[in-house]
Amino acid sequence: MTIKEVKLERDQISKEKDDLSRQLADVTHSFEMEIKKRENIERSCLKHVEDIDKLKARITEYEKQIMALRRQNDELDTRVKTGEAKITTIENSLSSAQTEIRKITELNDKLQKEKQHMMR
């Protein structure tokens, strides 16, 4: 090998070394970017898991509130039905009392007429 060939080979090796160094830097940069992306995704996933847990807790609280409202609604329905039954009983008593008053009034009117008739 001549000196010229050795220099040429040295230059070629140097060029290949520079190319490989650039490629290594590019790969290293890409690798670092991927690591950052993965870390961001992991943080995002953790935040989503926390959000999901908070939403589950909220749903559980809403379900408890719904159950309490249903119980309260059932109690109110019972009170309304009891009130309606009492109203019906009172209305029936009122109707009976009105009928009895009408009969007594009619009887009183007859007695008054008979009394007036007897006094003449």
PDB file of N, CA and C in Angstrom:
ATOM      1  N   MET A   1       0.817  -1.171   0.000  1.00  0.00           N
ATOM      2  CA  MET A   1       0.000   0.000   0.000  1.00  0.00           C
ATOM      3  C   MET A   1       0.872   1.249   0.000  1.00  0.00           C
ATOM      4  N   THR A   2       0.449   2.195  -0.745  1.00  0.00           N
ATOM      5  CA  THR A   2       1.217   3.427  -0.839  1.00  0.00           C
ATOM      6  C   THR A   2       0.700   4.409   0.192  1.00  0.00           C
ATOM      7  N   ILE A   3       1.456   5.453   0.376  1.00  0.00           N
ATOM      8  CA  ILE A   3       1.082   6.486   1.342  1.00  0.00           C
ATOM      9  C   ILE A   3      -0.221   7.136   0.900  1.00  0.00           C
ATOM     10  N   LYS A   4      -0.359   7.325  -0.356  1.00  0.00           N
ATOM     11  CA  LYS A   4      -1.570   7.945  -0.878  1.00  0.00           C
ATOM     12  C   LYS A   4      -2.785   7.076  -0.572  1.00  0.00           C
ATOM     13  N   GLU A   5      -2.657   5.787  -0.756  1.00  0.00           N
ATOM     14  CA  GLU A   5      -3.752   4.865  -0.487  1.00  0.00           C
ATOM     15  C   GLU A   5      -4.085   4.838   1.010  1.00  0.00           C
ATOM     16  N   VAL A   6      -3.040   4.881   1.838  1.00  0.00           N
ATOM     17  CA  VAL A   6      -3.238   4.881   3.282  1.00  0.00           C
ATOM     18  C   VAL A   6      -3.974   6.156   3.695  1.00  0.00           C
ATOM     19  N   LYS A   7      -3.560   7.307   3.143  1.00  0.00           N
ATOM     20  CA  LYS A   7      -4.225   8.575   3.451  1.00  0.00           C
ATOM     21  C   LYS A   7      -5.687   8.536   2.995  1.00  0.00           C
ATOM     22  N   LEU A   8      -5.899   7.984   1.810  1.00  0.00           N
ATOM     23  CA  LEU A   8      -7.252   7.881   1.278  1.00  0.00           C
ATOM     24  C   LEU A   8      -8.120   6.993   2.184  1.00  0.00           C
ATOM     25  N   GLU A   9      -7.535   5.884   2.606  1.00  0.00           N
ATOM     26  CA  GLU A   9      -8.263   4.982   3.494  1.00  0.00           C
ATOM     27  C   GLU A   9      -8.522   5.670   4.839  1.00  0.00           C
ATOM     28  N   ARG A  10      -7.522   6.420   5.343  1.00  0.00           N
ATOM     29  CA  ARG A  10      -7.677   7.155   6.592  1.00  0.00           C
ATOM     30  C   ARG A  10      -8.800   8.186   6.469  1.00  0.00           C
ATOM     31  N   ASP A  11      -8.836   8.906   5.354  1.00  0.00           N
ATOM     32  CA  ASP A  11      -9.885   9.903   5.129  1.00  0.00           C
ATOM     33  C   ASP A  11     -11.268   9.239   5.068  1.00  0.00           C
ATOM     34  N   GLN A  12     -11.310   8.108   4.414  1.00  0.00           N
ATOM     35  CA  GLN A  12     -12.572   7.384   4.295  1.00  0.00           C
ATOM     36  C   GLN A  12     -13.035   6.897   5.674  1.00  0.00           C
ATOM     37  N   ILE A  13     -12.102   6.366   6.463  1.00  0.00           N
ATOM     38  CA  ILE A  13     -12.432   5.904   7.813  1.00  0.00           C
ATOM     39  C   ILE A  13     -12.891   7.081   8.667  1.00  0.00           C
ATOM     40  N   SER A  14     -12.231   8.222   8.529  1.00  0.00           N
ATOM     41  CA  SER A  14     -12.596   9.421   9.278  1.00  0.00           C
ATOM     42  C   SER A  14     -14.003   9.880   8.895  1.00  0.00           C
ATOM     43  N   LYS A  15     -14.296   9.829   7.598  1.00  0.00           N
ATOM     44  CA  LYS A  15     -15.626  10.221   7.123  1.00  0.00           C
ATOM     45  C   LYS A  15     -16.686   9.264   7.669  1.00  0.00           C
ATOM     46  N   GLU A  16     -16.388   7.970   7.622  1.00  0.00           N
ATOM     47  CA  GLU A  16     -17.330   6.985   8.157  1.00  0.00           C
ATOM     48  C   GLU A  16     -17.543   7.202   9.657  1.00  0.00           C
ATOM     49  N   LYS A  17     -16.435   7.541  10.361  1.00  0.00           N
ATOM     50  CA  LYS A  17     -16.517   7.801  11.794  1.00  0.00           C
ATOM     51  C   LYS A  17     -17.435   8.995  12.058  1.00  0.00           C
ATOM     52  N   ASP A  18     -17.267  10.071  11.267  1.00  0.00           N
ATOM     53  CA  ASP A  18     -18.116  11.256  11.423  1.00  0.00           C
ATOM     54  C   ASP A  18     -19.586  10.916  11.144  1.00  0.00           C
ATOM     55  N   ASP A  19     -19.813  10.145  10.083  1.00  0.00           N
ATOM     56  CA  ASP A  19     -21.185   9.732   9.755  1.00  0.00           C
ATOM     57  C   ASP A  19     -21.789   8.902  10.896  1.00  0.00           C
ATOM     58  N   LEU A  20     -21.011   7.967  11.399  1.00  0.00           N
ATOM     59  CA  LEU A  20     -21.502   7.128  12.497  1.00  0.00           C
ATOM     60  C   LEU A  20     -21.738   7.956  13.765  1.00  0.00           C
ATOM     61  N   SER A  21     -20.869   8.950  14.001  1.00  0.00           N
ATOM     62  CA  SER A  21     -21.054   9.833  15.160  1.00  0.00           C
ATOM     63  C   SER A  21     -22.353  10.613  15.028  1.00  0.00           C
ATOM     64  N   ARG A  22     -22.637  11.129  13.821  1.00  0.00           N
ATOM     65  CA  ARG A  22     -23.892  11.845  13.587  1.00  0.00           C
ATOM     66  C   ARG A  22     -25.094  10.915  13.752  1.00  0.00           C
ATOM     67  N   GLN A  23     -24.983   9.736  13.206  1.00  0.00           N
ATOM     68  CA  GLN A  23     -26.074   8.769  13.342  1.00  0.00           C
ATOM     69  C   GLN A  23     -26.317   8.415  14.815  1.00  0.00           C
ATOM     70  N   LEU A  24     -25.193   8.241  15.556  1.00  0.00           N
ATOM     71  CA  LEU A  24     -25.307   7.933  16.979  1.00  0.00           C
ATOM     72  C   LEU A  24     -25.975   9.092  17.720  1.00  0.00           C
ATOM     73  N   ALA A  25     -25.594  10.322  17.382  1.00  0.00           N
ATOM     74  CA  ALA A  25     -26.203  11.497  18.015  1.00  0.00           C
ATOM     75  C   ALA A  25     -27.697  11.550  17.680  1.00  0.00           C
ATOM     76  N   ASP A  26     -28.051  11.271  16.424  1.00  0.00           N
ATOM     77  CA  ASP A  26     -29.464  11.266  16.024  1.00  0.00           C
ATOM     78  C   ASP A  26     -30.249  10.188  16.781  1.00  0.00           C
ATOM     79  N   VAL A  27     -29.662   9.002  16.855  1.00  0.00           N
ATOM     80  CA  VAL A  27     -30.330   7.904  17.557  1.00  0.00           C
ATOM     81  C   VAL A  27     -30.461   8.243  19.047  1.00  0.00           C
ATOM     82  N   THR A  28     -29.390   8.811  19.624  1.00  0.00           N
ATOM     83  CA  THR A  28     -29.427   9.201  21.039  1.00  0.00           C
ATOM     84  C   THR A  28     -30.510  10.245  21.276  1.00  0.00           C
ATOM     85  N   HIS A  29     -30.589  11.228  20.395  1.00  0.00           N
ATOM     86  CA  HIS A  29     -31.615  12.266  20.510  1.00  0.00           C
ATOM     87  C   HIS A  29     -33.016  11.649  20.385  1.00  0.00           C
ATOM     88  N   SER A  30     -33.197  10.787  19.395  1.00  0.00           N
ATOM     89  CA  SER A  30     -34.493  10.117  19.215  1.00  0.00           C
ATOM     90  C   SER A  30     -34.846   9.292  20.451  1.00  0.00           C
ATOM     91  N   PHE A  31     -33.850   8.602  20.992  1.00  0.00           N
ATOM     92  CA  PHE A  31     -34.069   7.786  22.186  1.00  0.00           C
ATOM     93  C   PHE A  31     -34.490   8.663  23.367  1.00  0.00           C
ATOM     94  N   GLU A  32     -33.812   9.787  23.554  1.00  0.00           N
ATOM     95  CA  GLU A  32     -34.162  10.713  24.636  1.00  0.00           C
ATOM     96  C   GLU A  32     -35.574  11.268  24.446  1.00  0.00           C
ATOM     97  N   MET A  33     -35.927  11.583  23.203  1.00  0.00           N
ATOM     98  CA  MET A  33     -37.276  12.082  22.920  1.00  0.00           C
ATOM     99  C   MET A  33     -38.327  11.015  23.247  1.00  0.00           C
ATOM    100  N   GLU A  34     -38.040   9.780  22.893  1.00  0.00           N
ATOM    101  CA  GLU A  34     -38.969   8.684  23.180  1.00  0.00           C
ATOM    102  C   GLU A  34     -39.110   8.474  24.687  1.00  0.00           C
ATOM    103  N   ILE A  35     -37.995   8.618  25.413  1.00  0.00           N
ATOM    104  CA  ILE A  35     -38.051   8.497  26.875  1.00  0.00           C
ATOM    105  C   ILE A  35     -38.949   9.590  27.440  1.00  0.00           C
ATOM    106  N   LYS A  36     -38.793  10.823  26.955  1.00  0.00           N
ATOM    107  CA  LYS A  36     -39.628  11.930  27.428  1.00  0.00           C
ATOM    108  C   LYS A  36     -41.097  11.679  27.090  1.00  0.00           C
ATOM    109  N   LYS A  37     -41.347  11.185  25.870  1.00  0.00           N
ATOM    110  CA  LYS A  37     -42.729  10.878  25.488  1.00  0.00           C
ATOM    111  C   LYS A  37     -43.323   9.826  26.423  1.00  0.00           C
ATOM    112  N   ARG A  38     -42.533   8.779  26.685  1.00  0.00           N
ATOM    113  CA  ARG A  38     -43.013   7.715  27.564  1.00  0.00           C
ATOM    114  C   ARG A  38     -43.301   8.256  28.963  1.00  0.00           C
ATOM    115  N   GLU A  39     -42.402   9.103  29.475  1.00  0.00           N
ATOM    116  CA  GLU A  39     -42.612   9.692  30.803  1.00  0.00           C
ATOM    117  C   GLU A  39     -43.876  10.554  30.819  1.00  0.00           C
ATOM    118  N   ASN A  40     -44.082  11.330  29.751  1.00  0.00           N
ATOM    119  CA  ASN A  40     -45.301  12.152  29.656  1.00  0.00           C
ATOM    120  C   ASN A  40     -46.553  11.276  29.613  1.00  0.00           C
ATOM    121  N   ILE A  41     -46.477  10.203  28.853  1.00  0.00           N
ATOM    122  CA  ILE A  41     -47.614   9.280  28.758  1.00  0.00           C
ATOM    123  C   ILE A  41     -47.892   8.643  30.117  1.00  0.00           C
ATOM    124  N   GLU A  42     -46.824   8.249  30.832  1.00  0.00           N
ATOM    125  CA  GLU A  42     -47.006   7.649  32.155  1.00  0.00           C
ATOM    126  C   GLU A  42     -47.648   8.647  33.120  1.00  0.00           C
ATOM    127  N   ARG A  43     -47.185   9.914  33.078  1.00  0.00           N
ATOM    128  CA  ARG A  43     -47.785  10.950  33.929  1.00  0.00           C
ATOM    129  C   ARG A  43     -49.257  11.146  33.565  1.00  0.00           C
ATOM    130  N   SER A  44     -49.506  11.180  32.270  1.00  0.00           N
ATOM    131  CA  SER A  44     -50.878  11.354  31.803  1.00  0.00           C
ATOM    132  C   SER A  44     -51.753  10.177  32.257  1.00  0.00           C
ATOM    133  N   CYS A  45     -51.228   8.978  32.156  1.00  0.00           N
ATOM    134  CA  CYS A  45     -51.981   7.794  32.595  1.00  0.00           C
ATOM    135  C   CYS A  45     -52.281   7.868  34.089  1.00  0.00           C
ATOM    136  N   LEU A  46     -51.289   8.264  34.878  1.00  0.00           N
ATOM    137  CA  LEU A  46     -51.510   8.386  36.319  1.00  0.00           C
ATOM    138  C   LEU A  46     -52.592   9.419  36.609  1.00  0.00           C
ATOM    139  N   LYS A  47     -52.545  10.535  35.888  1.00  0.00           N
ATOM    140  CA  LYS A  47     -53.566  11.572  36.083  1.00  0.00           C
ATOM    141  C   LYS A  47     -54.941  11.031  35.696  1.00  0.00           C
ATOM    142  N   HIS A  48     -54.996  10.283  34.599  1.00  0.00           N
ATOM    143  CA  HIS A  48     -56.279   9.707  34.172  1.00  0.00           C
ATOM    144  C   HIS A  48     -56.797   8.707  35.209  1.00  0.00           C
ATOM    145  N   VAL A  49     -55.892   7.912  35.768  1.00  0.00           N
ATOM    146  CA  VAL A  49     -56.297   6.954  36.800  1.00  0.00           C
ATOM    147  C   VAL A  49     -56.843   7.705  38.016  1.00  0.00           C
ATOM    148  N   GLU A  50     -56.159   8.792  38.404  1.00  0.00           N
ATOM    149  CA  GLU A  50     -56.647   9.608  39.526  1.00  0.00           C
ATOM    150  C   GLU A  50     -58.017  10.201  39.199  1.00  0.00           C
ATOM    151  N   ASP A  51     -58.160  10.709  37.973  1.00  0.00           N
ATOM    152  CA  ASP A  51     -59.452  11.273  37.559  1.00  0.00           C
ATOM    153  C   ASP A  51     -60.547  10.209  37.595  1.00  0.00           C
ATOM    154  N   ILE A  52     -60.224   9.022  37.126  1.00  0.00           N
ATOM    155  CA  ILE A  52     -61.193   7.923  37.122  1.00  0.00           C
ATOM    156  C   ILE A  52     -61.595   7.581  38.553  1.00  0.00           C
ATOM    157  N   ASP A  53     -60.603   7.514  39.451  1.00  0.00           N
ATOM    158  CA  ASP A  53     -60.914   7.220  40.853  1.00  0.00           C
ATOM    159  C   ASP A  53     -61.815   8.299  41.454  1.00  0.00           C
ATOM    160  N   LYS A  54     -61.522   9.564  41.141  1.00  0.00           N
ATOM    161  CA  LYS A  54     -62.363  10.659  41.641  1.00  0.00           C
ATOM    162  C   LYS A  54     -63.781  10.536  41.092  1.00  0.00           C
ATOM    163  N   LEU A  55     -63.896  10.223  39.800  1.00  0.00           N
ATOM    164  CA  LEU A  55     -65.219  10.082  39.189  1.00  0.00           C
ATOM    165  C   LEU A  55     -65.980   8.900  39.790  1.00  0.00           C
ATOM    166  N   LYS A  56     -65.260   7.801  40.057  1.00  0.00           N
ATOM    167  CA  LYS A  56     -65.913   6.651  40.690  1.00  0.00           C
ATOM    168  C   LYS A  56     -66.439   7.033  42.071  1.00  0.00           C
ATOM    169  N   ALA A  57     -65.630   7.789  42.820  1.00  0.00           N
ATOM    170  CA  ALA A  57     -66.065   8.229  44.153  1.00  0.00           C
ATOM    171  C   ALA A  57     -67.290   9.136  44.040  1.00  0.00           C
ATOM    172  N   ARG A  58     -67.281  10.003  43.037  1.00  0.00           N
ATOM    173  CA  ARG A  58     -68.424  10.899  42.817  1.00  0.00           C
ATOM    174  C   ARG A  58     -69.677  10.104  42.472  1.00  0.00           C
ATOM    175  N   ILE A  59     -69.511   9.117  41.610  1.00  0.00           N
ATOM    176  CA  ILE A  59     -70.643   8.265  41.219  1.00  0.00           C
ATOM    177  C   ILE A  59     -71.189   7.538  42.448  1.00  0.00           C
ATOM    178  N   THR A  60     -70.289   7.019  43.282  1.00  0.00           N
ATOM    179  CA  THR A  60     -70.714   6.335  44.500  1.00  0.00           C
ATOM    180  C   THR A  60     -71.502   7.285  45.393  1.00  0.00           C
ATOM    181  N   GLU A  61     -71.020   8.516  45.526  1.00  0.00           N
ATOM    182  CA  GLU A  61     -71.726   9.518  46.342  1.00  0.00           C
ATOM    183  C   GLU A  61     -73.097   9.830  45.738  1.00  0.00           C
ATOM    184  N   TYR A  62     -73.150   9.970  44.407  1.00  0.00           N
ATOM    185  CA  TYR A  62     -74.436  10.225  43.745  1.00  0.00           C
ATOM    186  C   TYR A  62     -75.397   9.061  43.968  1.00  0.00           C
ATOM    187  N   GLU A  63     -74.878   7.834  43.902  1.00  0.00           N
ATOM    188  CA  GLU A  63     -75.733   6.666  44.127  1.00  0.00           C
ATOM    189  C   GLU A  63     -76.291   6.672  45.547  1.00  0.00           C
ATOM    190  N   LYS A  64     -75.452   7.059  46.524  1.00  0.00           N
ATOM    191  CA  LYS A  64     -75.929   7.160  47.908  1.00  0.00           C
ATOM    192  C   LYS A  64     -77.022   8.218  48.012  1.00  0.00           C
ATOM    193  N   GLN A  65     -76.814   9.346  47.354  1.00  0.00           N
ATOM    194  CA  GLN A  65     -77.813  10.413  47.385  1.00  0.00           C
ATOM    195  C   GLN A  65     -79.117   9.954  46.731  1.00  0.00           C
ATOM    196  N   ILE A  66     -78.998   9.229  45.634  1.00  0.00           N
ATOM    197  CA  ILE A  66     -80.192   8.711  44.946  1.00  0.00           C
ATOM    198  C   ILE A  66     -80.955   7.764  45.870  1.00  0.00           C
ATOM    199  N   MET A  67     -80.215   6.881  46.555  1.00  0.00           N
ATOM    200  CA  MET A  67     -80.877   5.949  47.475  1.00  0.00           C
ATOM    201  C   MET A  67     -81.582   6.715  48.599  1.00  0.00           C
ATOM    202  N   ALA A  68     -80.922   7.733  49.132  1.00  0.00           N
ATOM    203  CA  ALA A  68     -81.541   8.534  50.201  1.00  0.00           C
ATOM    204  C   ALA A  68     -82.793   9.233  49.677  1.00  0.00           C
ATOM    205  N   LEU A  69     -82.712   9.774  48.467  1.00  0.00           N
ATOM    206  CA  LEU A  69     -83.875  10.444  47.874  1.00  0.00           C
ATOM    207  C   LEU A  69     -85.011   9.457  47.617  1.00  0.00           C
ATOM    208  N   ARG A  70     -84.668   8.252  47.203  1.00  0.00           N
ATOM    209  CA  ARG A  70     -85.705   7.236  46.979  1.00  0.00           C
ATOM    210  C   ARG A  70     -86.402   6.875  48.291  1.00  0.00           C
ATOM    211  N   ARG A  71     -85.589   6.706  49.366  1.00  0.00           N
ATOM    212  CA  ARG A  71     -86.195   6.407  50.669  1.00  0.00           C
ATOM    213  C   ARG A  71     -87.104   7.552  51.102  1.00  0.00           C
ATOM    214  N   GLN A  72     -86.605   8.770  50.942  1.00  0.00           N
ATOM    215  CA  GLN A  72     -87.399   9.943  51.319  1.00  0.00           C
ATOM    216  C   GLN A  72     -88.672  10.011  50.474  1.00  0.00           C
ATOM    217  N   ASN A  73     -88.544   9.726  49.181  1.00  0.00           N
ATOM    218  CA  ASN A  73     -89.700   9.730  48.288  1.00  0.00           C
ATOM    219  C   ASN A  73     -90.719   8.674  48.721  1.00  0.00           C
ATOM    220  N   ASP A  74     -90.221   7.484  49.083  1.00  0.00           N
ATOM    221  CA  ASP A  74     -91.127   6.431  49.556  1.00  0.00           C
ATOM    222  C   ASP A  74     -91.852   6.870  50.826  1.00  0.00           C
ATOM    223  N   GLU A  75     -91.105   7.500  51.740  1.00  0.00           N
ATOM    224  CA  GLU A  75     -91.728   7.987  52.976  1.00  0.00           C
ATOM    225  C   GLU A  75     -92.795   9.035  52.664  1.00  0.00           C
ATOM    226  N   LEU A  76     -92.481   9.937  51.748  1.00  0.00           N
ATOM    227  CA  LEU A  76     -93.455  10.972  51.375  1.00  0.00           C
ATOM    228  C   LEU A  76     -94.671  10.356  50.690  1.00  0.00           C
ATOM    229  N   ASP A  77     -94.441   9.358  49.834  1.00  0.00           N
ATOM    230  CA  ASP A  77     -95.570   8.666  49.196  1.00  0.00           C
ATOM    231  C   ASP A  77     -96.475   8.041  50.253  1.00  0.00           C
ATOM    232  N   THR A  78     -95.859   7.416  51.255  1.00  0.00           N
ATOM    233  CA  THR A  78     -96.636   6.796  52.329  1.00  0.00           C
ATOM    234  C   THR A  78     -97.439   7.851  53.074  1.00  0.00           C
ATOM    235  N   ARG A  79     -96.799   8.982  53.371  1.00  0.00           N
ATOM    236  CA  ARG A  79     -97.503  10.060  54.073  1.00  0.00           C
ATOM    237  C   ARG A  79     -98.651  10.607  53.230  1.00  0.00           C
ATOM    238  N   VAL A  80     -98.423  10.747  51.919  1.00  0.00           N
ATOM    239  CA  VAL A  80     -99.484  11.238  51.031  1.00  0.00           C
ATOM    240  C   VAL A  80    -100.651  10.255  51.020  1.00  0.00           C
ATOM    241  N   LYS A  81    -100.353   8.970  50.905  1.00  0.00           N
ATOM    242  CA  LYS A  81    -101.421   7.968  50.873  1.00  0.00           C
ATOM    243  C   LYS A  81    -102.183   7.943  52.195  1.00  0.00           C
ATOM    244  N   THR A  82    -101.442   8.083  53.300  1.00  0.00           N
ATOM    245  CA  THR A  82    -102.107   8.144  54.603  1.00  0.00           C
ATOM    246  C   THR A  82    -103.006   9.369  54.678  1.00  0.00           C
ATOM    247  N   GLY A  83    -102.494  10.501  54.215  1.00  0.00           N
ATOM    248  CA  GLY A  83    -103.289  11.735  54.192  1.00  0.00           C
ATOM    249  C   GLY A  83    -104.515  11.597  53.313  1.00  0.00           C
ATOM    250  N   GLU A  84    -104.350  10.976  52.147  1.00  0.00           N
ATOM    251  CA  GLU A  84    -105.485  10.774  51.246  1.00  0.00           C
ATOM    252  C   GLU A  84    -106.530   9.867  51.890  1.00  0.00           C
ATOM    253  N   ALA A  85    -106.064   8.827  52.592  1.00  0.00           N
ATOM    254  CA  ALA A  85    -107.005   7.921  53.267  1.00  0.00           C
ATOM    255  C   ALA A  85    -107.769   8.671  54.354  1.00  0.00           C
ATOM    256  N   LYS A  86    -107.057   9.523  55.106  1.00  0.00           N
ATOM    257  CA  LYS A  86    -107.730  10.315  56.145  1.00  0.00           C
ATOM    258  C   LYS A  86    -108.749  11.260  55.523  1.00  0.00           C
ATOM    259  N   ILE A  87    -108.374  11.890  54.405  1.00  0.00           N
ATOM    260  CA  ILE A  87    -109.298  12.800  53.710  1.00  0.00           C
ATOM    261  C   ILE A  87    -110.543  12.041  53.264  1.00  0.00           C
ATOM    262  N   THR A  88    -110.338  10.856  52.693  1.00  0.00           N
ATOM    263  CA  THR A  88    -111.477  10.044  52.251  1.00  0.00           C
ATOM    264  C   THR A  88    -112.374   9.698  53.436  1.00  0.00           C
ATOM    265  N   THR A  89    -111.761   9.322  54.557  1.00  0.00           N
ATOM    266  CA  THR A  89    -112.541   9.002  55.759  1.00  0.00           C
ATOM    267  C   THR A  89    -113.324  10.220  56.228  1.00  0.00           C
ATOM    268  N   ILE A  90    -112.665  11.374  56.254  1.00  0.00           N
ATOM    269  CA  ILE A  90    -113.337  12.613  56.678  1.00  0.00           C
ATOM    270  C   ILE A  90    -114.458  12.969  55.713  1.00  0.00           C
ATOM    271  N   GLU A  91    -114.207  12.824  54.399  1.00  0.00           N
ATOM    272  CA  GLU A  91    -115.251  13.124  53.410  1.00  0.00           C
ATOM    273  C   GLU A  91    -116.455  12.207  53.606  1.00  0.00           C
ATOM    274  N   ASN A  92    -116.176  10.926  53.851  1.00  0.00           N
ATOM    275  CA  ASN A  92    -117.278   9.982  54.092  1.00  0.00           C
ATOM    276  C   ASN A  92    -118.046  10.355  55.362  1.00  0.00           C
ATOM    277  N   SER A  93    -117.295  10.714  56.407  1.00  0.00           N
ATOM    278  CA  SER A  93    -117.952  11.131  57.659  1.00  0.00           C
ATOM    279  C   SER A  93    -118.779  12.385  57.427  1.00  0.00           C
ATOM    280  N   LEU A  94    -118.229  13.325  56.661  1.00  0.00           N
ATOM    281  CA  LEU A  94    -118.940  14.566  56.352  1.00  0.00           C
ATOM    282  C   LEU A  94    -120.220  14.270  55.578  1.00  0.00           C
ATOM    283  N   SER A  95    -120.105  13.395  54.591  1.00  0.00           N
ATOM    284  CA  SER A  95    -121.278  13.036  53.793  1.00  0.00           C
ATOM    285  C   SER A  95    -122.345  12.384  54.674  1.00  0.00           C
ATOM    286  N   SER A  96    -121.903  11.482  55.550  1.00  0.00           N
ATOM    287  CA  SER A  96    -122.856  10.833  56.465  1.00  0.00           C
ATOM    288  C   SER A  96    -123.483  11.858  57.391  1.00  0.00           C
ATOM    289  N   ALA A  97    -122.663  12.771  57.907  1.00  0.00           N
ATOM    290  CA  ALA A  97    -123.173  13.806  58.814  1.00  0.00           C
ATOM    291  C   ALA A  97    -124.155  14.710  58.086  1.00  0.00           C
ATOM    292  N   GLN A  98    -123.848  15.070  56.834  1.00  0.00           N
ATOM    293  CA  GLN A  98    -124.757  15.926  56.058  1.00  0.00           C
ATOM    294  C   GLN A  98    -126.081  15.211  55.811  1.00  0.00           C
ATOM    295  N   THR A  99    -126.007  13.928  55.510  1.00  0.00           N
ATOM    296  CA  THR A  99    -127.232  13.150  55.302  1.00  0.00           C
ATOM    297  C   THR A  99    -128.046  13.110  56.592  1.00  0.00           C
ATOM    298  N   GLU A 100    -127.353  12.884  57.695  1.00  0.00           N
ATOM    299  CA  GLU A 100    -128.044  12.835  58.986  1.00  0.00           C
ATOM    300  C   GLU A 100    -128.641  14.197  59.333  1.00  0.00           C
ATOM    301  N   ILE A 101    -127.900  15.278  59.071  1.00  0.00           N
ATOM    302  CA  ILE A 101    -128.415  16.634  59.327  1.00  0.00           C
ATOM    303  C   ILE A 101    -129.651  16.885  58.479  1.00  0.00           C
ATOM    304  N   ARG A 102    -129.604  16.483  57.216  1.00  0.00           N
ATOM    305  CA  ARG A 102    -130.752  16.670  56.323  1.00  0.00           C
ATOM    306  C   ARG A 102    -131.969  15.916  56.870  1.00  0.00           C
ATOM    307  N   LYS A 103    -131.762  14.673  57.307  1.00  0.00           N
ATOM    308  CA  LYS A 103    -132.873  13.886  57.858  1.00  0.00           C
ATOM    309  C   LYS A 103    -133.416  14.532  59.130  1.00  0.00           C
ATOM    310  N   ILE A 104    -132.505  14.977  60.000  1.00  0.00           N
ATOM    311  CA  ILE A 104    -132.935  15.614  61.254  1.00  0.00           C
ATOM    312  C   ILE A 104    -133.671  16.912  60.960  1.00  0.00           C
ATOM    313  N   THR A 105    -133.156  17.682  59.976  1.00  0.00           N
ATOM    314  CA  THR A 105    -133.816  18.934  59.603  1.00  0.00           C
ATOM    315  C   THR A 105    -135.213  18.650  59.066  1.00  0.00           C
ATOM    316  N   GLU A 106    -135.334  17.637  58.218  1.00  0.00           N
ATOM    317  CA  GLU A 106    -136.648  17.267  57.681  1.00  0.00           C
ATOM    318  C   GLU A 106    -137.596  16.841  58.810  1.00  0.00           C
ATOM    319  N   LEU A 107    -137.047  16.046  59.723  1.00  0.00           N
ATOM    320  CA  LEU A 107    -137.855  15.587  60.846  1.00  0.00           C
ATOM    321  C   LEU A 107    -138.267  16.769  61.728  1.00  0.00           C
ATOM    322  N   ASN A 108    -137.335  17.680  61.955  1.00  0.00           N
ATOM    323  CA  ASN A 108    -137.621  18.876  62.751  1.00  0.00           C
ATOM    324  C   ASN A 108    -138.701  19.719  62.078  1.00  0.00           C
ATOM    325  N   ASP A 109    -138.575  19.885  60.748  1.00  0.00           N
ATOM    326  CA  ASP A 109    -139.588  20.652  60.007  1.00  0.00           C
ATOM    327  C   ASP A 109    -140.966  19.998  60.161  1.00  0.00           C
ATOM    328  N   LYS A 110    -141.027  18.683  60.055  1.00  0.00           N
ATOM    329  CA  LYS A 110    -142.304  17.974  60.208  1.00  0.00           C
ATOM    330  C   LYS A 110    -142.864  18.191  61.608  1.00  0.00           C
ATOM    331  N   LEU A 111    -141.963  18.075  62.585  1.00  0.00           N
ATOM    332  CA  LEU A 111    -142.418  18.259  63.968  1.00  0.00           C
ATOM    333  C   LEU A 111    -142.910  19.684  64.203  1.00  0.00           C
ATOM    334  N   GLN A 112    -142.223  20.657  63.624  1.00  0.00           N
ATOM    335  CA  GLN A 112    -142.646  22.055  63.765  1.00  0.00           C
ATOM    336  C   GLN A 112    -144.016  22.257  63.114  1.00  0.00           C
ATOM    337  N   LYS A 113    -144.194  21.649  61.944  1.00  0.00           N
ATOM    338  CA  LYS A 113    -145.483  21.770  61.254  1.00  0.00           C
ATOM    339  C   LYS A 113    -146.586  21.124  62.089  1.00  0.00           C
ATOM    340  N   GLU A 114    -146.291  19.955  62.627  1.00  0.00           N
ATOM    341  CA  GLU A 114    -147.291  19.269  63.450  1.00  0.00           C
ATOM    342  C   GLU A 114    -147.603  20.085  64.703  1.00  0.00           C
ATOM    343  N   LYS A 115    -146.577  20.671  65.296  1.00  0.00           N
ATOM    344  CA  LYS A 115    -146.766  21.491  66.496  1.00  0.00           C
ATOM    345  C   LYS A 115    -147.659  22.682  66.176  1.00  0.00           C
ATOM    346  N   GLN A 116    -147.377  23.329  65.031  1.00  0.00           N
ATOM    347  CA  GLN A 116    -148.189  24.490  64.633  1.00  0.00           C
ATOM    348  C   GLN A 116    -149.617  24.031  64.334  1.00  0.00           C
ATOM    349  N   HIS A 117    -149.731  22.897  63.728  1.00  0.00           N
ATOM    350  CA  HIS A 117    -151.047  22.382  63.395  1.00  0.00           C
ATOM    351  C   HIS A 117    -151.837  22.042  64.672  1.00  0.00           C
ATOM    352  N   MET A 118    -151.173  21.550  65.663  1.00  0.00           N
ATOM    353  CA  MET A 118    -151.830  21.192  66.924  1.00  0.00           C
ATOM    354  C   MET A 118    -152.188  22.435  67.727  1.00  0.00           C
ATOM    355  N   MET A 119    -151.469  23.468  67.590  1.00  0.00           N
ATOM    356  CA  MET A 119    -151.721  24.683  68.353  1.00  0.00           C
ATOM    357  C   MET A 119    -152.885  25.448  67.756  1.00  0.00           C
ATOM    358  N   ARG A 120    -153.350  25.182  66.658  1.00  0.00           N
ATOM    359  CA  ARG A 120    -154.447  25.911  66.028  1.00  0.00           C
ATOM    360  C   ARG A 120    -155.716  25.396  66.470  1.00  0.00           C
TER     361      ARG A 120
END
